[in-house]
């Protein structure tokens, strides 16, 4: 796999935190940032899949946004009364 070098600017405090965590994990800054980028991309894809599935279910069941909001409120209310 080929690589490319990029220049990126970070606020000093954020860069300090990145270096601190990378050091604790015995990683280079580059390794840490590559893993962070991979994790971010994976999370975004997972959420996109979840929302896509939700839209498909809502469409199949002919649910309007108000129906979904009502169900969320009802679920949260049931959950709160159990706690």
Protein backbone atom coordinates (compact mmCIF):
# COMPACT_ATOMS: atom_id res chain seq x y z
CA UNK A 1 0.00 0.00 0.00
CA UNK A 2 1.44 3.36 -0.95
CA UNK A 3 1.50 6.26 1.46
CA UNK A 4 1.34 10.02 1.14
CA UNK A 5 2.68 12.61 3.52
CA UNK A 6 0.34 15.43 4.49
CA UNK A 7 0.74 18.57 6.54
CA UNK A 8 -1.98 19.30 9.05
CA UNK A 9 -2.34 21.96 11.73
CA UNK A 10 -3.49 21.16 15.27
CA UNK A 11 -4.08 23.41 18.22
CA UNK A 12 -1.14 23.05 20.58
CA UNK A 13 -3.19 21.52 23.38
CA UNK A 14 -4.80 18.92 21.11
CA UNK A 15 -1.41 17.94 19.71
CA UNK A 16 -0.10 17.57 23.27
CA UNK A 17 -3.00 15.23 24.09
CA UNK A 18 -2.43 13.23 20.90
CA UNK A 19 1.24 12.82 21.73
CA UNK A 20 0.46 11.89 25.33
CA UNK A 21 -1.96 9.12 24.35
CA UNK A 22 0.26 7.88 21.54
CA UNK A 23 3.19 7.69 23.95
CA UNK A 24 1.15 5.77 26.55
CA UNK A 25 0.21 3.28 23.82
CA UNK A 26 3.80 3.08 22.54
CA UNK A 27 2.70 4.37 19.14
CA UNK A 28 4.02 7.06 16.89
CA UNK A 29 1.93 10.14 16.29
CA UNK A 30 1.31 8.93 12.72
CA UNK A 31 0.14 5.50 13.86
CA UNK A 32 -2.21 7.10 16.38
CA UNK A 33 -3.69 9.50 13.82
CA UNK A 34 -4.12 6.76 11.20
CA UNK A 35 -6.01 4.62 13.71
CA UNK A 36 -8.13 7.60 14.78
CA UNK A 37 -9.03 8.30 11.14
CA UNK A 38 -9.91 4.64 10.53
CA UNK A 39 -12.09 4.52 13.65
CA UNK A 40 -13.87 7.73 12.65
CA UNK A 41 -14.57 6.46 9.13
CA UNK A 42 -15.79 3.11 10.46
CA UNK A 43 -18.12 4.84 12.95
CA UNK A 44 -19.52 7.14 10.26
CA UNK A 45 -20.19 4.15 7.97
CA UNK A 46 -21.85 2.21 10.79
CA UNK A 47 -24.15 5.14 11.62
CA UNK A 48 -24.95 5.64 7.94
CA UNK A 49 -25.99 1.99 7.79
CA UNK A 50 -28.14 2.34 10.90
CA UNK A 51 -29.90 5.42 9.51
CA UNK A 52 -30.37 3.73 6.15
CA UNK A 53 -31.95 0.73 7.83
CA UNK A 54 -34.19 3.05 9.88
CA UNK A 55 -35.34 4.88 6.76
CA UNK A 56 -36.09 1.57 5.04
CA UNK A 57 -38.14 0.34 8.01
CA UNK A 58 -39.99 3.65 8.26
CA UNK A 59 -40.75 3.55 4.53
CA UNK A 60 -41.91 -0.08 4.63
CA UNK A 61 -44.19 0.63 7.60
CA UNK A 62 -45.23 3.99 6.15
CA UNK A 63 -44.13 5.88 9.23
CA UNK A 64 -44.01 9.66 9.23
CA UNK A 65 -41.31 11.56 11.16
CA UNK A 66 -43.94 12.41 13.78
CA UNK A 67 -44.61 8.68 14.32
CA UNK A 68 -40.92 8.06 14.94
CA UNK A 69 -40.67 11.02 17.33
CA UNK A 70 -43.74 9.81 19.23
CA UNK A 71 -42.24 6.32 19.60
CA UNK A 72 -38.94 7.74 20.83
CA UNK A 73 -40.71 9.86 23.45
CA UNK A 74 -42.79 6.87 24.59
CA UNK A 75 -39.69 4.68 24.85
CA UNK A 76 -37.80 7.30 26.86
CA UNK A 77 -40.79 7.75 29.18
CA UNK A 78 -41.05 3.97 29.80
CA UNK A 79 -37.32 3.79 30.42
CA UNK A 80 -37.41 6.71 32.88
CA UNK A 81 -40.21 5.17 34.94
CA UNK A 82 -38.23 1.90 35.31
CA UNK A 83 -35.15 3.68 36.68
